[in-house]
Protein backbone atom coordinates (compact mmCIF):
# COMPACT_ATOMS: atom_id res chain seq x y z
CA MET A 1 -32.15 -19.64 -51.96
CA GLY A 2 -30.44 -21.00 -56.04
CA SER A 3 -29.59 -16.93 -56.51
CA LEU A 4 -27.69 -16.84 -53.61
CA GLU A 5 -26.30 -20.81 -53.76
CA THR A 6 -25.06 -19.64 -57.39
CA ASP A 7 -23.30 -15.83 -55.81
CA LEU A 8 -21.93 -17.13 -53.47
CA GLU A 9 -20.31 -20.16 -55.90
CA GLY A 10 -18.86 -16.93 -57.91
CA ILE A 11 -17.38 -15.03 -54.57
CA VAL A 12 -16.04 -18.77 -54.12
CA ASP A 13 -14.30 -20.24 -56.92
CA PRO A 14 -11.70 -17.99 -58.37
CA ILE A 15 -10.89 -17.60 -54.30
CA LEU A 16 -10.32 -21.58 -54.28
CA HIS A 17 -9.20 -21.90 -57.39
CA GLU A 18 -5.94 -19.36 -56.68
CA ARG A 19 -5.33 -21.42 -53.39
CA GLY A 20 -5.21 -25.02 -56.03
CA MET A 21 -8.51 -26.40 -54.72
CA GLU A 22 -12.07 -26.36 -55.59
CA LEU A 23 -15.67 -25.61 -54.20
CA VAL A 24 -17.08 -29.85 -55.06
CA ASP A 25 -20.55 -28.93 -52.82
CA LEU A 26 -21.98 -26.37 -51.65
CA GLU A 27 -25.20 -26.42 -48.95
CA LEU A 28 -27.88 -23.99 -47.58
CA ILE A 29 -29.43 -25.71 -44.41
CA ARG A 30 -31.83 -22.97 -42.35
CA GLN A 31 -31.76 -23.51 -38.48
CA GLY A 32 -34.12 -21.90 -36.68
CA ARG A 33 -33.41 -18.25 -37.20
CA ARG A 34 -30.01 -18.88 -38.02
CA LEU A 35 -28.78 -20.32 -42.45
CA LEU A 36 -26.11 -23.24 -42.28
CA VAL A 37 -23.87 -22.60 -44.89
CA ARG A 38 -21.00 -25.04 -45.48
CA PHE A 39 -18.79 -25.60 -48.04
CA PHE A 40 -17.44 -28.60 -48.92
CA VAL A 41 -14.05 -27.75 -50.59
CA ASP A 42 -10.83 -30.51 -51.69
CA ARG A 43 -7.43 -29.50 -52.81
CA ILE A 44 -7.79 -30.18 -56.56
CA ASP A 45 -5.04 -32.97 -57.53
CA GLY A 46 -7.33 -34.42 -54.33
CA GLY A 47 -6.79 -34.34 -50.50
CA ILE A 48 -7.36 -31.55 -47.28
CA THR A 49 -6.28 -31.10 -44.20
CA MET A 50 -8.43 -30.18 -41.14
CA GLU A 51 -5.59 -27.51 -41.43
CA GLU A 52 -6.31 -25.28 -45.01
CA CYS A 53 -10.39 -26.51 -44.29
CA VAL A 54 -9.52 -24.33 -40.98
CA GLY A 55 -7.78 -21.44 -43.29
CA ILE A 56 -10.81 -21.61 -45.70
CA ASN A 57 -12.98 -20.70 -42.83
CA ARG A 58 -11.41 -17.53 -42.12
CA GLU A 59 -10.87 -16.34 -45.01
CA LEU A 60 -14.27 -17.26 -46.82
CA GLY A 61 -15.64 -15.35 -43.26
CA ASP A 62 -13.27 -12.31 -44.22
CA VAL A 63 -15.19 -12.29 -47.80
CA LEU A 64 -18.01 -12.86 -47.27
CA ASP A 65 -18.53 -10.02 -44.60
CA VAL A 66 -16.98 -7.46 -47.25
CA GLU A 67 -19.46 -8.75 -49.58
CA ASP A 68 -23.13 -9.09 -47.48
CA ILE A 69 -24.56 -10.53 -50.05
CA ILE A 70 -26.07 -13.13 -47.13
CA GLU A 71 -29.07 -11.23 -45.55
CA GLU A 72 -29.67 -13.00 -41.90
CA SER A 73 -27.55 -14.32 -39.90
CA TYR A 74 -25.79 -17.08 -40.72
CA VAL A 75 -22.86 -20.29 -39.42
CA LEU A 76 -19.94 -21.00 -42.14
CA GLU A 77 -18.58 -24.21 -41.92
CA VAL A 78 -15.87 -25.76 -44.18
CA SER A 79 -15.43 -29.71 -44.19
CA SER A 80 -13.93 -31.87 -46.37
CA PRO A 81 -16.20 -34.04 -48.42
CA GLY A 82 -15.03 -36.91 -47.30
CA LEU A 83 -14.67 -39.88 -48.88
CA ASN A 84 -18.79 -40.93 -50.16
CA ARG A 85 -18.29 -37.49 -52.40
CA ARG A 86 -20.98 -35.58 -54.19
CA LEU A 87 -21.20 -35.71 -57.75
CA ARG A 88 -21.94 -32.00 -58.97
CA LYS A 89 -20.69 -30.84 -63.01
CA PRO A 90 -19.93 -32.56 -65.82
CA ARG A 91 -16.31 -32.86 -64.16
CA ASP A 92 -17.05 -34.19 -61.10
CA PHE A 93 -18.13 -37.14 -62.87
CA GLN A 94 -15.83 -37.98 -65.26
CA ARG A 95 -12.79 -37.62 -62.49
CA VAL A 96 -14.47 -40.65 -61.15
CA VAL A 97 -15.78 -42.66 -64.44
CA GLY A 98 -15.29 -47.20 -63.66
CA GLU A 99 -15.62 -45.76 -60.21
CA THR A 100 -19.27 -47.18 -58.60
CA VAL A 101 -21.65 -44.21 -57.55
CA SER A 102 -25.66 -44.46 -56.79
CA VAL A 103 -27.68 -41.68 -57.78
CA LYS A 104 -31.33 -40.86 -57.74
CA THR A 105 -33.12 -38.87 -60.52
CA ARG A 106 -35.93 -35.83 -60.40
CA GLU A 107 -38.40 -38.43 -62.64
CA ARG A 108 -37.75 -42.39 -63.35
CA VAL A 109 -35.18 -43.13 -65.56
CA ASP A 110 -35.82 -47.07 -67.35
CA GLU A 111 -38.60 -47.16 -65.14
CA ARG A 112 -36.67 -46.42 -61.57
CA ARG A 113 -35.62 -43.29 -60.05
CA ARG A 114 -32.50 -44.60 -57.67
CA PHE A 115 -29.02 -46.34 -59.40
CA GLN A 116 -26.68 -47.71 -58.23
CA GLY A 117 -24.08 -49.51 -60.37
CA THR A 118 -20.34 -48.42 -62.22
CA LEU A 119 -19.56 -45.08 -64.22
CA LEU A 120 -18.76 -46.42 -67.89
CA THR A 121 -18.87 -43.24 -68.90
CA ALA A 122 -19.50 -38.77 -68.17
CA ASP A 123 -19.56 -36.42 -70.61
CA GLU A 124 -21.37 -32.62 -71.41
CA GLY A 125 -24.63 -34.69 -71.46
CA GLY A 126 -24.67 -37.32 -69.43
CA ILE A 127 -23.28 -40.03 -67.73
CA SER A 128 -23.61 -43.92 -68.12
CA LEU A 129 -23.63 -46.36 -65.82
CA MET A 130 -22.50 -50.02 -65.68
CA VAL A 131 -26.46 -51.13 -63.41
CA GLU A 132 -27.14 -55.13 -62.88
CA GLY A 133 -25.61 -55.86 -65.63
CA ARG A 134 -26.66 -53.98 -68.35
CA PRO A 135 -25.98 -49.54 -69.65
CA VAL A 136 -28.40 -47.30 -68.62
CA VAL A 137 -27.74 -43.81 -69.82
CA ILE A 138 -28.69 -39.87 -67.34
CA PRO A 139 -28.95 -36.78 -68.37
CA TYR A 140 -27.92 -34.42 -66.24
CA GLN A 141 -30.43 -32.25 -65.76
CA GLN A 142 -32.71 -34.84 -64.47
CA ILE A 143 -30.12 -36.05 -61.48
CA ALA A 144 -31.03 -34.99 -58.25
CA ARG A 145 -28.54 -36.12 -56.47
CA ALA A 146 -25.54 -38.48 -57.54
CA LYS A 147 -22.52 -39.52 -54.79
CA LEU A 148 -19.36 -41.53 -55.52
CA LYS A 149 -19.07 -44.77 -53.35
CA TYR A 150 -16.32 -45.35 -51.57
CA GLU A 151 -16.75 -49.31 -50.50
CA PHE A 152 -13.59 -51.16 -48.31
C-alpha cells in the first residue's frame, strides 16, 4: 500500500496547503472487504474544527472519486490529529522541540527500541532525545513510530 499512500499524499497535500492546512498523518486500514482511508489534518498554525473536517472530507471525497486511484471499496475519514499527534516528517519534530515525545525504533538504538523523553533537537538527519538524564540520537530512518505525548 506504500504506493497508494504516496499517491494519496500527492493529491491531498496541495489541496490542504491551499487552505492553510496540512496532512499530519494518513492511515490505510483493511476492514473486511473495505479499505479505511483516514486523513489526519490540522491547520498549519494549529487547530482545526469539526466543521472544517466535514468540509475537507466532502472535498477530498469528490477529488478522490474523480482521480479514481483507489481501486476498491473504501470509507473516507478526515480527523484532527488530537493532542497525542503522530510525528512523521522532520518539520513535525522541529515544531515540538522541547516537548515530550514517545518513539519506537525499527531496530535497537542504545540497546532498546522504545524511548520517551524530551525532544532536544530535530534536524534533517534525525532527532536527539533526553531520556533518563542522557541524550539519545535517533536517525529518521530508524523511527518506526513517534508521537507527541501531551501531559496534563
